[in-house]
Protein backbone atom coordinates (compact mmCIF):
# COMPACT_ATOMS: atom_id res chain seq x y z
CA MET A 1 68.58 97.99 102.17
CA LEU A 2 70.99 96.73 99.38
CA PRO A 3 72.28 93.10 99.50
CA THR A 4 75.38 92.44 101.32
CA SER A 5 77.14 90.97 98.31
CA PHE A 6 76.29 94.08 96.17
CA SER A 7 77.38 96.40 98.76
CA ILE A 8 80.74 94.49 99.19
CA ALA A 9 81.27 94.60 95.45
CA LEU A 10 80.51 98.38 95.45
CA GLY A 11 82.61 99.04 98.35
CA CYS A 12 85.72 97.54 96.34
CA LEU A 13 84.70 99.73 93.38
CA CYS A 14 84.99 102.69 95.74
CA VAL A 15 88.49 101.81 96.79
CA PHE A 16 89.17 101.27 92.92
CA ILE A 17 87.64 104.91 92.24
CA VAL A 18 89.60 106.78 95.01
CA VAL A 19 93.13 105.16 94.81
CA PRO A 20 93.82 106.04 90.64
CA ASN A 21 92.10 109.35 90.78
CA THR A 22 94.30 110.13 93.97
CA CYS A 23 97.35 108.76 92.06
CA VAL A 24 96.36 111.16 89.12
CA CYS A 25 96.33 114.13 91.62
CA LEU A 26 99.53 113.02 92.99
CA LEU A 27 101.05 112.61 89.50
CA VAL A 28 100.28 116.28 88.63
CA TYR A 29 101.58 117.45 91.96
CA MET A 30 104.90 115.70 91.82
CA TYR A 31 105.85 116.11 88.05
CA ARG A 32 106.49 119.47 86.89
CA SER A 33 105.92 118.57 83.20
CA LEU A 34 102.36 117.61 84.08
CA ARG A 35 101.42 120.98 85.84
CA SER A 36 99.48 122.94 83.03
CA TYR A 37 96.15 124.63 83.09
CA THR A 38 94.77 121.30 81.38
CA ASN A 39 95.94 118.97 83.69
CA ALA A 40 94.66 121.46 86.66
CA ILE A 41 91.16 120.86 85.31
CA VAL A 42 91.61 117.18 84.91
CA VAL A 43 92.68 117.25 88.88
CA SER A 44 89.36 119.19 89.47
CA LEU A 45 87.55 116.36 87.56
CA ALA A 46 89.46 113.69 89.37
CA VAL A 47 88.44 115.43 92.83
CA SER A 48 84.61 114.72 91.83
CA ASP A 49 85.24 111.44 91.01
CA ILE A 50 87.00 110.97 94.23
CA LEU A 51 83.92 112.34 95.90
CA THR A 52 81.80 109.86 94.15
CA GLY A 53 83.89 107.06 95.54
CA ALA A 54 84.75 108.16 98.96
CA VAL A 55 81.26 110.10 99.90
CA LEU A 56 78.38 109.48 97.42
CA LEU A 57 78.68 105.69 96.91
CA PRO A 58 79.72 104.70 100.61
CA MET A 59 76.84 106.85 102.04
CA TYR A 60 74.36 105.10 99.69
CA VAL A 61 75.53 101.64 100.80
CA THR A 62 75.87 102.41 104.49
CA VAL A 63 73.40 104.86 105.40
CA PRO A 64 70.29 104.75 103.28
CA GLU A 65 68.33 106.76 105.76
CA PHE A 66 70.19 109.93 104.53
CA ALA A 67 68.34 109.62 101.28
CA ASP A 68 67.36 113.48 101.30
CA ALA A 69 70.78 114.50 102.01
CA LEU A 70 72.15 112.15 99.16
CA ARG A 71 69.87 114.06 96.48
CA TYR A 72 72.07 117.13 97.03
CA ILE A 73 75.26 115.41 97.00
CA VAL A 74 74.14 113.32 93.80
CA CYS A 75 73.37 116.55 92.18
CA ILE A 76 76.40 118.67 93.24
CA ILE A 77 78.70 115.68 92.01
CA MET A 78 76.95 115.47 88.63
CA LEU A 79 76.90 119.16 88.05
CA ALA A 80 80.52 119.54 89.04
CA GLY A 81 81.17 116.90 86.49
CA VAL A 82 79.12 118.58 83.76
CA ALA A 83 81.17 121.81 84.67
CA ASN A 84 84.47 120.29 84.59
CA VAL A 85 83.81 118.54 81.51
CA CYS A 86 82.62 122.08 79.97
CA ALA A 87 85.82 123.77 81.39
CA VAL A 88 88.07 121.14 79.72
CA THR A 89 86.35 121.65 76.50
CA LEU A 90 86.61 125.56 76.79
CA ASP A 91 90.36 124.92 77.48
CA ARG A 92 90.76 122.72 74.36
CA TYR A 93 88.75 124.98 72.24
CA LEU A 94 90.80 128.03 73.16
CA ALA A 95 94.01 125.92 72.60
CA ILE A 96 92.90 125.03 68.95
CA LYS A 97 91.18 128.18 67.87
CA ARG A 98 93.23 130.85 69.68
CA PRO A 99 96.80 129.27 70.21
CA PHE A 100 98.58 132.66 70.43
CA ASP A 101 96.16 133.93 72.91
CA TYR A 102 95.39 130.72 75.17
CA LEU A 103 98.19 131.19 77.97
CA ALA A 104 97.14 135.05 78.24
CA ILE A 105 93.47 134.28 78.36
CA MET A 106 93.85 131.17 80.85
CA HIS A 107 96.39 132.95 83.10
CA LYS A 108 93.40 135.61 83.70
CA GLN A 109 90.31 133.68 83.65
CA PHE A 110 91.73 130.19 85.10
CA THR A 111 90.71 130.94 88.73
CA LYS A 112 87.38 132.27 87.81
CA ILE A 113 86.54 129.05 85.66
CA MET A 114 87.64 126.80 88.64
CA VAL A 115 85.64 128.72 91.15
CA LEU A 116 82.53 128.74 89.12
CA SER A 117 83.06 124.84 88.21
CA TRP A 118 82.21 124.00 91.95
CA ALA A 119 80.36 127.24 93.25
CA LEU A 120 77.47 126.96 90.54
CA PRO A 121 76.90 123.16 91.23
CA ILE A 122 76.56 123.87 95.10
CA ALA A 123 74.46 126.66 94.53
CA ILE A 124 72.07 125.08 92.19
CA ALA A 125 71.88 121.90 94.34
CA PHE A 126 70.67 123.75 97.25
CA ILE A 127 67.91 125.50 95.53
CA PRO A 128 65.11 122.99 96.59
CA MET A 129 65.93 123.71 100.18
CA SER A 130 64.20 127.14 99.63
CA PHE A 131 60.77 124.97 98.40
CA SER A 132 58.15 124.08 101.00
CA SER A 133 57.43 120.29 101.53
CA GLN A 134 54.05 120.55 99.85
CA SER A 135 55.44 122.33 96.59
CA GLU A 136 55.68 119.34 94.25
CA LEU A 137 55.20 121.38 91.13
CA ALA A 138 58.08 123.53 92.05
CA ASN A 139 60.34 120.44 92.53
CA THR A 140 59.07 119.08 89.32
CA ILE A 141 59.73 122.34 87.42
CA TYR A 142 63.20 122.39 89.24
CA LEU A 143 64.01 118.79 88.08
CA PHE A 144 63.40 119.40 84.34
CA THR A 145 65.00 122.61 84.18
CA LEU A 146 68.17 121.11 85.86
CA GLN A 147 68.50 118.29 83.36
CA GLY A 148 67.52 120.77 80.51
CA PHE A 149 69.58 123.54 81.19
CA CYS A 150 72.49 122.06 83.29
CA VAL A 151 72.88 118.85 81.63
CA VAL A 152 71.20 118.62 78.01
CA VAL A 153 72.14 122.21 76.87
CA PRO A 154 75.86 122.20 78.02
CA TYR A 155 76.60 118.81 76.57
CA ILE A 156 75.11 120.02 73.11
CA LEU A 157 77.51 122.88 73.25
CA VAL A 158 79.99 120.43 74.15
CA PHE A 159 79.33 118.64 71.26
CA VAL A 160 79.39 121.51 69.03
CA ALA A 161 82.85 122.94 70.29
CA TYR A 162 84.48 119.39 69.82
CA CYS A 163 83.16 119.33 66.07
CA GLN A 164 84.88 122.74 65.77
CA ILE A 165 87.90 121.77 67.56
CA PHE A 166 88.40 118.59 65.37
CA GLN A 167 87.54 120.52 62.21
CA GLN A 168 90.10 123.26 63.11
CA ALA A 169 92.71 120.66 63.74
CA ARG A 170 92.32 118.80 60.42
CA HIS A 171 92.44 122.30 58.75
CA ILE A 172 95.62 123.16 60.59
CA VAL A 173 97.30 120.00 59.62
CA ASN A 174 96.20 120.09 56.14
CA ARG A 175 97.50 123.60 55.73
CA ILE A 176 100.94 122.56 57.04
CA LYS A 177 100.84 119.74 54.54
CA ARG A 178 100.44 122.24 51.54
CA GLU A 179 103.04 124.60 52.82
CA SER A 180 105.43 121.67 53.30
CA THR A 181 104.60 120.68 49.56
CA VAL A 182 104.97 124.12 48.12
CA LEU A 183 107.89 125.37 50.11
CA SER A 184 109.82 121.88 50.13
CA TRP A 185 113.11 123.41 49.58
CA GLN A 186 113.06 125.19 52.76
CA LYS A 187 113.91 123.73 56.13
CA ASP A 188 110.83 122.07 57.56
CA ASP A 189 111.72 121.78 61.24
CA LYS A 190 109.34 124.63 62.20
CA ARG A 191 106.64 123.13 59.98
CA THR A 192 107.10 119.72 61.36
CA LYS A 193 106.93 121.14 64.98
CA LYS A 194 103.74 122.93 64.24
CA LYS A 195 102.31 119.56 62.68
CA ARG A 196 103.36 117.69 65.76
CA ASP A 197 101.86 120.20 68.03
CA ALA A 198 98.53 120.23 66.17
CA ALA A 199 98.52 116.45 66.25
CA THR A 200 99.18 116.61 70.05
CA GLU A 201 96.14 119.18 70.62
CA ALA A 202 94.07 116.86 68.57
CA LYS A 203 94.95 113.83 70.61
CA VAL A 204 94.32 115.57 73.78
CA ALA A 205 90.86 116.97 72.20
CA LYS A 206 90.08 113.05 71.40
CA VAL A 207 90.64 112.18 75.15
CA PHE A 208 88.61 114.72 76.43
CA SER A 209 85.87 113.98 73.99
CA VAL A 210 86.07 110.34 74.97
CA ILE A 211 85.73 111.43 78.76
CA ALA A 212 82.74 113.43 78.00
CA VAL A 213 80.95 110.56 76.33
CA SER A 214 81.77 108.16 79.09
CA PHE A 215 80.49 110.82 81.56
CA ILE A 216 77.20 111.33 79.91
CA LEU A 217 76.62 107.48 79.42
CA SER A 218 77.53 106.46 83.16
CA TRP A 219 74.90 109.20 84.47
CA LEU A 220 72.28 108.23 81.98
CA PRO A 221 70.67 105.75 84.28
CA VAL A 222 70.39 108.51 86.85
CA ILE A 223 68.96 111.21 84.60
CA TYR A 224 66.25 108.49 83.39
CA LEU A 225 65.40 107.85 86.96
CA THR A 226 65.05 111.29 87.94
CA SER A 227 63.12 112.28 85.07
CA VAL A 228 60.56 109.34 85.96
CA LEU A 229 60.47 110.78 89.28
CA ALA A 230 59.60 114.28 88.33
CA ALA A 231 57.04 112.82 85.71
CA VAL A 232 55.08 110.49 87.81
CA GLY A 233 55.79 111.59 91.31
CA GLN A 234 56.86 109.42 94.30
CA LYS A 235 53.50 108.28 95.10
CA ASP A 236 52.40 107.07 91.71
CA THR A 237 51.69 103.29 91.36
CA LYS A 238 53.77 103.43 88.00
CA LEU A 239 56.87 104.21 89.72
CA ASP A 240 57.73 100.78 90.49
CA GLU A 241 57.24 99.68 86.91
CA LEU A 242 59.27 102.50 85.26
CA SER A 243 62.23 102.47 87.86
CA PRO A 244 62.68 98.84 89.16
CA PRO A 245 65.39 98.19 91.56
CA TRP A 246 67.52 96.57 89.36
CA LEU A 247 67.91 99.75 87.22
CA GLN A 248 68.54 101.57 90.49
CA GLU A 249 71.38 99.27 91.24
CA LEU A 250 72.76 99.53 87.67
CA SER A 251 72.76 103.22 88.20
CA LEU A 252 75.31 102.94 91.03
CA ILE A 253 77.30 100.75 89.06
CA THR A 254 77.53 103.08 85.82
CA VAL A 255 78.14 106.05 87.91
CA ALA A 256 80.89 104.01 89.75
CA LEU A 257 82.43 102.91 86.39
CA GLY A 258 82.33 106.36 84.97
CA SER A 259 84.28 107.62 87.80
CA LEU A 260 86.72 104.64 87.46
CA VAL A 261 87.48 104.85 83.85
CA ASN A 262 88.50 108.31 83.71
CA PRO A 263 92.31 107.78 85.49
CA GLY A 264 92.78 105.00 82.90
CA ILE A 265 91.85 107.21 79.90
CA TYR A 266 94.44 109.76 81.12
CA SER A 267 96.99 106.84 81.57
CA PHE A 268 96.41 105.21 78.03
CA LEU A 269 95.41 108.05 75.75
CA LYS A 270 96.83 111.44 76.96
CA PRO A 271 100.31 111.97 75.82
CA ASP A 272 101.75 113.71 78.91
CA PHE A 273 100.51 111.17 81.34
CA LYS A 274 101.86 108.31 79.01
CA ARG A 275 105.40 109.83 78.93
CA VAL A 276 105.35 110.04 82.85
CA LEU A 277 104.02 106.39 83.55
CA LYS A 278 106.47 105.05 81.00
CA THR A 279 109.30 106.87 82.89
CA LEU A 280 107.77 105.40 86.32
CA LEU A 281 107.46 101.89 84.83
CA ARG A 282 111.09 101.98 83.55
CA LYS A 283 112.39 103.08 87.03
CA CYS A 284 110.47 100.30 88.59
CA ALA A 285 111.49 97.63 86.10
CA LYS A 286 115.18 98.31 86.84
CA LYS A 287 114.94 97.16 90.56
CA PRO A 288 115.71 93.72 91.04
CA LYS A 289 113.28 91.23 92.03
CA GLN A 290 113.38 89.37 95.52
CA LYS A 291 112.75 85.78 95.66
CA VAL A 292 110.66 84.37 98.71
CA PRO A 293 112.55 81.43 99.97
CA ASP A 294 110.36 78.29 100.30
CA HIS A 295 111.05 77.62 103.79
CA GLU A 296 109.32 81.23 104.64
CA LYS A 297 106.24 80.13 102.89
CA SER A 298 105.45 77.17 105.08
CA SER A 299 104.77 79.50 108.29
CA ILE A 300 102.62 82.31 107.23
CA THR A 301 101.41 83.60 110.76
CA SER A 302 105.01 83.57 112.10
CA THR A 303 106.25 85.44 109.08
CA VAL A 304 103.53 87.88 109.36
CA ILE A 305 104.12 88.55 113.12
CA ARG A 306 107.85 88.83 112.60
CA GLU A 307 107.28 91.31 109.54
CA ARG A 308 104.81 93.47 111.69
CA LEU A 309 107.39 93.40 114.68
CA GLU A 310 110.25 94.49 112.09
CA SER A 311 108.12 97.28 111.11
CA ALA A 312 107.49 98.35 114.58
CA VAL A 313 111.20 98.17 115.64
CA LEU A 314 111.93 100.11 112.18
CA ILE A 315 109.33 102.69 112.94
CA VAL A 316 110.53 103.42 116.37
CA ALA A 317 114.34 103.39 115.33
CA THR A 318 113.86 105.73 112.25
CA ASN A 319 111.63 108.29 114.28
CA LEU A 320 114.21 108.09 117.63
CA MET A 321 117.08 108.75 115.27
CA LEU A 322 115.28 111.73 113.99
CA CYS A 323 114.59 112.98 117.57
CA ILE A 324 118.07 112.36 118.63
CA LEU A 325 119.53 114.04 115.28
CA VAL A 326 117.54 117.17 116.12
CA ILE A 327 118.58 117.42 119.80
CA SER A 328 122.33 116.70 119.07
CA SER A 329 122.54 119.34 116.37
CA ALA A 330 122.37 123.05 117.17
CA ARG A 331 121.26 123.79 113.47
CA LEU A 332 118.34 121.57 113.68
CA ARG A 333 116.95 123.01 116.88
CA THR A 334 114.34 125.31 115.06
CA TYR A 335 110.63 125.61 115.82
CA THR A 336 109.59 123.87 112.89
CA ASN A 337 111.82 120.94 113.72
CA GLY A 338 110.46 121.15 117.26
CA PHE A 339 107.10 120.55 115.75
CA LEU A 340 108.42 117.73 113.52
CA VAL A 341 109.96 116.01 116.86
CA SER A 342 106.48 116.10 118.20
CA LEU A 343 105.09 114.30 115.15
CA ALA A 344 107.93 111.87 115.39
CA VAL A 345 107.01 111.07 119.15
CA SER A 346 103.45 110.29 117.71
CA ASP A 347 105.10 107.87 115.02
CA ILE A 348 106.94 106.19 117.88
CA PHE A 349 103.86 105.46 119.67
CA THR A 350 102.51 104.00 116.51
CA GLY A 351 105.41 101.44 116.32
CA GLY A 352 105.98 101.20 120.20
CA LEU A 353 102.18 100.94 121.36
CA LEU A 354 99.90 100.16 118.56
CA TYR A 355 101.59 97.73 116.96
CA PRO A 356 102.50 95.30 119.72
CA ILE A 357 99.09 95.77 121.28
CA TYR A 358 97.80 94.51 117.88
CA LEU A 359 99.93 91.48 117.71
CA CYS A 360 99.02 90.44 121.24
CA GLY A 361 95.77 89.25 119.74
CA PRO A 362 92.16 90.03 120.55
CA GLU A 363 92.06 87.92 123.45
CA SER A 364 94.85 89.39 125.38
CA LYS A 365 94.19 91.90 128.10
CA ALA A 366 95.95 94.72 126.35
CA ALA A 367 93.45 94.39 123.42
CA ALA A 368 90.89 96.34 125.33
CA SER A 369 93.12 99.53 125.31
CA GLU A 370 93.52 99.21 121.49
CA GLY A 371 90.79 101.66 120.59
CA TYR A 372 92.20 104.36 123.06
CA ILE A 373 95.71 104.14 121.52
CA THR A 374 94.50 104.34 118.03
CA ALA A 375 92.47 107.33 118.54
CA PHE A 376 95.22 108.92 120.79
CA VAL A 377 97.64 108.11 117.70
CA LEU A 378 95.38 109.51 115.16
CA LEU A 379 94.27 112.59 117.21
CA SER A 380 97.95 113.38 118.00
CA GLY A 381 98.94 112.91 114.51
CA VAL A 382 96.39 115.44 113.24
CA GLY A 383 97.07 117.85 115.73
CA ASN A 384 101.04 117.86 115.16
CA ILE A 385 100.37 118.20 111.16
CA GLY A 386 98.07 121.09 112.12
CA LEU A 387 100.78 122.69 114.05
CA VAL A 388 103.32 122.38 111.40
CA THR A 389 100.88 123.80 108.93
CA TRP A 390 100.15 126.61 111.33
CA ASP A 391 104.29 127.22 111.44
CA ARG A 392 104.53 127.38 107.83
CA TYR A 393 101.64 129.85 107.32
CA ILE A 394 103.12 132.23 110.05
CA ALA A 395 106.51 131.58 108.57
CA VAL A 396 105.25 132.75 104.82
CA SER A 397 102.42 135.48 105.92
CA ARG A 398 104.48 137.02 108.81
CA PRO A 399 108.04 136.24 108.23
CA PHE A 400 109.32 139.27 110.34
CA GLN A 401 107.13 138.49 113.46
CA TYR A 402 107.67 134.91 112.87
CA ARG A 403 110.17 134.10 115.74
CA GLN A 404 108.25 136.32 118.32
CA VAL A 405 104.94 134.67 117.50
CA VAL A 406 106.19 131.08 117.46
CA GLN A 407 108.01 131.59 120.70
CA ASN A 408 105.32 133.05 122.49
CA HIS A 409 102.96 129.95 121.41
CA PHE A 410 105.34 127.12 121.03
CA ILE A 411 105.08 125.26 124.17
CA LYS A 412 101.23 126.20 124.86
CA LEU A 413 100.49 124.64 121.57
CA LEU A 414 102.39 121.63 122.04
CA VAL A 415 100.61 120.98 125.62
CA ILE A 416 97.20 121.53 124.35
CA ILE A 417 97.49 119.31 121.35
CA TRP A 418 98.89 116.29 123.46
CA VAL A 419 96.68 117.06 126.38
CA THR A 420 93.53 117.27 124.08
CA SER A 421 94.29 114.25 122.02
CA LEU A 422 94.54 112.26 125.21
CA GLY A 423 91.52 113.47 126.99
CA ILE A 424 89.53 112.79 123.63
CA ALA A 425 90.86 109.57 123.38
CA ILE A 426 89.99 108.23 126.85
CA LEU A 427 86.75 109.93 126.95
CA PRO A 428 84.96 106.49 126.39
CA ILE A 429 85.88 105.39 129.61
CA THR A 430 83.10 107.73 131.23
CA TRP A 431 80.59 105.58 129.75
CA LEU A 432 81.97 102.23 129.85
CA THR A 433 80.11 101.26 133.25
CA ILE A 434 76.83 101.72 131.49
CA PRO A 435 76.60 100.12 128.10
CA ASN A 436 75.75 103.09 125.77
CA VAL A 437 76.07 102.19 122.16
CA THR A 438 74.20 105.53 120.99
CA ALA A 439 76.69 107.49 122.91
CA HIS A 440 79.78 105.68 121.48
CA LYS A 441 78.25 105.99 118.01
CA ILE A 442 77.79 109.61 118.60
CA TYR A 443 81.53 109.90 119.71
CA LEU A 444 83.17 108.38 116.78
CA PHE A 445 81.14 110.25 114.33
CA GLY A 446 82.05 113.50 116.17
CA LEU A 447 85.67 112.26 116.39
CA MET A 448 86.00 111.72 112.68
CA VAL A 449 84.19 114.93 111.69
CA ILE A 450 85.18 117.54 114.17
CA PHE A 451 88.69 116.23 114.82
CA VAL A 452 89.84 114.72 111.62
CA ILE A 453 87.65 115.99 108.55
CA VAL A 454 87.21 119.64 109.73
CA PRO A 455 91.07 120.04 110.72
CA TYR A 456 92.06 118.72 107.35
CA GLY A 457 89.80 121.07 105.49
CA ALA A 458 91.53 123.95 107.39
CA ILE A 459 94.82 122.25 106.72
CA PHE A 460 94.41 122.20 102.93
CA THR A 461 92.96 125.74 103.11
CA ALA A 462 95.94 127.09 104.62
CA TYR A 463 98.50 125.11 102.27
CA LEU A 464 96.44 126.90 99.62
CA LYS A 465 96.93 130.21 101.12
CA ILE A 466 100.60 129.49 101.64
CA ALA A 467 100.98 128.76 97.93
CA GLN A 468 99.16 131.88 96.92
CA LEU A 469 101.76 133.87 99.31
CA LEU A 470 104.57 132.26 97.90
CA LYS A 471 103.63 132.87 94.43
CA LYS A 472 102.90 136.65 95.30
CA HIS A 473 106.39 136.84 96.98
CA HIS A 474 108.08 134.99 94.08
CA ARG A 475 106.56 137.76 91.76
CA GLN A 476 107.72 140.60 93.68
CA ILE A 477 111.17 139.53 93.81
CA ARG A 478 111.42 138.06 90.28
CA ASN A 479 113.20 141.16 88.98
CA ARG A 480 115.96 140.93 91.68
CA SER A 481 118.99 138.68 91.64
CA ALA A 482 118.29 134.85 91.87
CA ASN A 483 120.98 135.01 94.39
CA SER A 484 119.37 137.50 96.85
CA VAL A 485 118.48 136.74 100.36
CA SER A 486 114.83 137.23 99.59
CA SER A 487 114.80 134.91 96.74
CA ARG A 488 116.84 132.11 98.31
CA ARG A 489 114.42 132.52 101.64
CA VAL A 490 111.06 132.21 99.29
CA LYS A 491 112.77 129.06 97.45
CA SER A 492 113.56 127.60 100.83
CA GLU A 493 109.96 128.16 102.16
CA ALA A 494 108.62 126.84 99.05
CA LYS A 495 110.51 123.49 99.38
CA VAL A 496 109.74 122.87 103.02
CA THR A 497 105.96 123.65 102.38
CA LYS A 498 106.26 120.84 99.63
CA VAL A 499 107.55 118.47 102.09
CA PHE A 500 105.01 119.11 104.61
CA LEU A 501 102.27 119.09 102.21
CA THR A 502 103.61 115.69 100.91
CA ILE A 503 103.29 114.45 104.66
CA VAL A 504 99.62 115.80 105.05
CA ILE A 505 98.70 113.82 101.90
CA ILE A 506 100.45 110.55 103.02
CA PHE A 507 98.87 110.94 106.34
CA VAL A 508 95.51 111.37 105.23
CA ILE A 509 95.82 108.14 102.67
CA SER A 510 97.21 105.91 105.24
CA TRP A 511 94.34 106.38 107.62
CA LEU A 512 91.64 106.01 105.11
CA PRO A 513 91.08 102.48 105.74
CA ILE A 514 90.58 102.97 109.49
CA LEU A 515 88.53 105.98 109.05
CA TYR A 516 86.36 103.60 106.47
CA MET A 517 86.01 100.68 109.02
CA THR A 518 84.99 103.37 112.05
CA THR A 519 82.45 104.43 109.74
CA VAL A 520 81.25 100.92 108.96
CA ASN A 521 81.00 99.99 112.56
CA VAL A 522 78.96 103.44 113.46
CA VAL A 523 76.31 102.37 111.00
CA ASP A 524 76.27 99.04 112.25
CA ARG A 525 77.28 97.10 108.72
CA PRO A 526 80.57 95.22 110.20
CA GLU A 527 80.12 92.75 107.21
CA LEU A 528 81.47 95.59 104.78
CA SER A 529 84.77 95.60 106.62
CA PRO A 530 86.72 92.05 105.63
CA PRO A 531 89.81 91.00 107.75
CA GLU A 532 91.80 91.86 105.01
CA LEU A 533 91.31 95.46 105.23
CA GLN A 534 92.26 95.36 108.82
CA ILE A 535 95.52 93.80 107.91
CA ALA A 536 95.99 96.59 105.17
CA SER A 537 94.91 99.34 107.57
CA LEU A 538 97.98 98.51 109.89
CA PHE A 539 100.26 98.42 106.90
CA THR A 540 99.24 101.72 105.51
CA VAL A 541 99.63 103.32 108.87
CA ALA A 542 103.13 102.00 109.15
CA LEU A 543 104.14 103.34 105.70
CA SER A 544 102.97 106.83 106.97
CA SER A 545 105.15 106.55 110.00
CA LEU A 546 108.28 105.21 108.06
CA ALA A 547 107.73 107.87 105.51
CA ASN A 548 107.97 110.79 107.57
CA PRO A 549 111.68 110.51 108.51
CA LEU A 550 112.62 109.64 104.84
CA LEU A 551 110.76 112.58 103.64
CA TYR A 552 112.69 115.03 106.05
CA ALA A 553 116.08 113.17 105.06
CA CYS A 554 115.63 113.17 101.41
CA MET A 555 113.68 116.46 100.92
CA LYS A 556 114.45 118.89 103.67
CA GLU A 557 117.46 120.88 103.29
CA ASP A 558 118.67 121.26 106.78
CA PHE A 559 118.40 117.55 107.61
CA ARG A 560 120.26 116.62 104.23
CA ARG A 561 123.05 119.02 105.32
CA GLU A 562 123.39 117.51 108.38
CA PHE A 563 123.22 113.84 107.06
CA ARG A 564 125.97 114.60 104.75
CA LYS A 565 128.04 116.53 107.36
CA ARG A 566 127.70 113.41 109.76
CA SER A 567 128.41 110.81 106.79
CA SER A 568 131.59 112.50 105.74
CA LEU A 569 132.50 112.97 109.54
CA LEU A 570 132.06 109.15 110.15
CA ILE A 571 133.84 108.34 106.81
CA ARG A 572 137.06 110.48 107.86
CA LYS A 573 136.85 109.37 111.47
CA SER A 574 136.81 105.55 110.51
CA SER A 575 139.72 106.07 107.70
CA SER A 576 141.96 107.62 110.69
CA PRO A 577 144.39 105.42 112.65
CA GLU A 578 142.54 105.99 115.65
CA GLY A 579 139.18 105.53 113.95
CA ALA A 580 137.40 103.31 116.22
CA ILE A 581 138.19 104.97 119.37
CA GLU A 582 137.20 108.23 117.99
CA LEU A 583 133.97 106.81 116.38
CA GLU A 584 133.04 105.49 119.71
CA LYS A 585 133.42 108.93 121.36
CA THR A 586 131.51 110.87 118.72
CA ILE A 587 128.61 108.51 118.96
CA SER A 588 128.41 108.68 122.71
CA THR A 589 128.75 112.51 122.64
CA ALA A 590 126.03 112.98 120.15
CA CYS A 591 123.67 110.52 122.24
CA ALA A 592 124.43 112.32 125.53
CA VAL A 593 123.62 115.69 124.58
CA PRO A 594 120.78 116.90 126.85
CA LEU A 595 117.43 118.43 125.56
CA GLN A 596 117.83 122.15 126.12
CA PRO A 597 115.39 123.30 129.32
CA SER A 598 114.83 126.40 127.47
CA LEU A 599 113.68 126.81 123.84
CA ASP A 600 114.96 130.46 123.25
CA CYS A 601 117.54 128.98 121.24
CA LEU A 602 115.19 127.75 118.59
CA GLN A 603 115.24 129.74 115.34
CA SER A 604 113.14 130.07 112.17
CA ASP A 605 113.95 127.95 109.30
């Protein structure tokens, strides 16, 4: 068992690993200028770093009994890192050595490269499962072969490739200099551009060479420990001398630091990331800073409670306004927005139930129901996001049958999601009369795996399929007019899908602290869950519930049209002589529209 102080420090490192690498993925997703083949491989490398911070290190700290499973995870993450470093080296090699054929080659081979970068590590990692428990010789041969052919040989090839890349980049720059000297009387715009492009490619190659070096250095202790284990065996007395405990702890730190430095390298060294970050910092610097008055600093507790209450009221108000807007506007009454209203109701429960119970304190009678409500809100949120994803998948994959399919299943699916969420959330009541710690741990573990992790795996798979279908539809109608009905429909579906994918990502990130604290409680390590994390978890959940209505208002086209229409209507009525009376009638009429008893009026987006 690791010391508590070391475990807490490693837990903090895990957070610092996951957050920046997630930001790298989000930056590539949000900014079109970053969407390149090179940065797609960067995202793949960031995913392996996220797995290090979110899976490998937390499991090593909290569940040391899973040592056998950890071997496979360590192998997968290490080999995936090596494979992604090789992939990005190949990308740079092609960009420098074959610049004119680069795009054509990557367009054909990119998907294969990405699949192999993850499929091969997983396949190689699970080879030992075919060995018998007594075959130490086979295991030793496997470990040495793994390090030789899957780590040492690839890095020799990477080193040779970078030598050729830098040599070629220097050759290109020198050739352009000679041409500019000989042909100085001609316009040098094209030569300057070529020189600038070559310099940029050289800079990018330097970035990835630094990443390759930092990766191999961070994994050196693990490689050494594996070599010692393979050479002397687990039962040899020399094992403790050759692999002391401090070296094992150092190996964890170096692996964590290796995953931590990559986002920093992109931010400070890679030109396209630097430009995007400078743009973001410039936007943030323009926002005026607000000073906190001195009289508010004297009462921290009351301020926190007031802020939490304000957040709760804001969550309820914004999501309630969204529900009223959908109900009162015939144009917004679509099946997709019906699922959004269901998700908004889940957010209303967050602000109207979860927050007030938390503010009552742990000694209140209502505190006993906090766990049930948390589970209910989480499960209903996951379920409704799953419904939205299903709705988008049907709309893209079966556009002509969309209305019929969704109309037949709309009410059934909503009832199933809410009833199932409620039933699973209150399931622990059945064993409260008999204290059963084991049953509760199994319940929490099953809750996270079966009803959170597995659904989100399916959701992200569905969005990948949706993206492929949209790309296919776009290619089919590319030769048609940009204003055709099919073209507009594909663009609209793509925009709506981006909105919902953003909601999915925000939801996952906002609930990560609560999932982490639940995991810590399952493995009986409450000391790894500081009080500050509980406060932060409530804050992140609030951000998710507040972000959803803002995303609809700012990004979803039908909501934007309705907001513009309502705003212009209010401005015209308020400027008329009878503005006050008309405004009051309009608001009362909008709020008094009843919910349609039949959903036959709902249509597709």
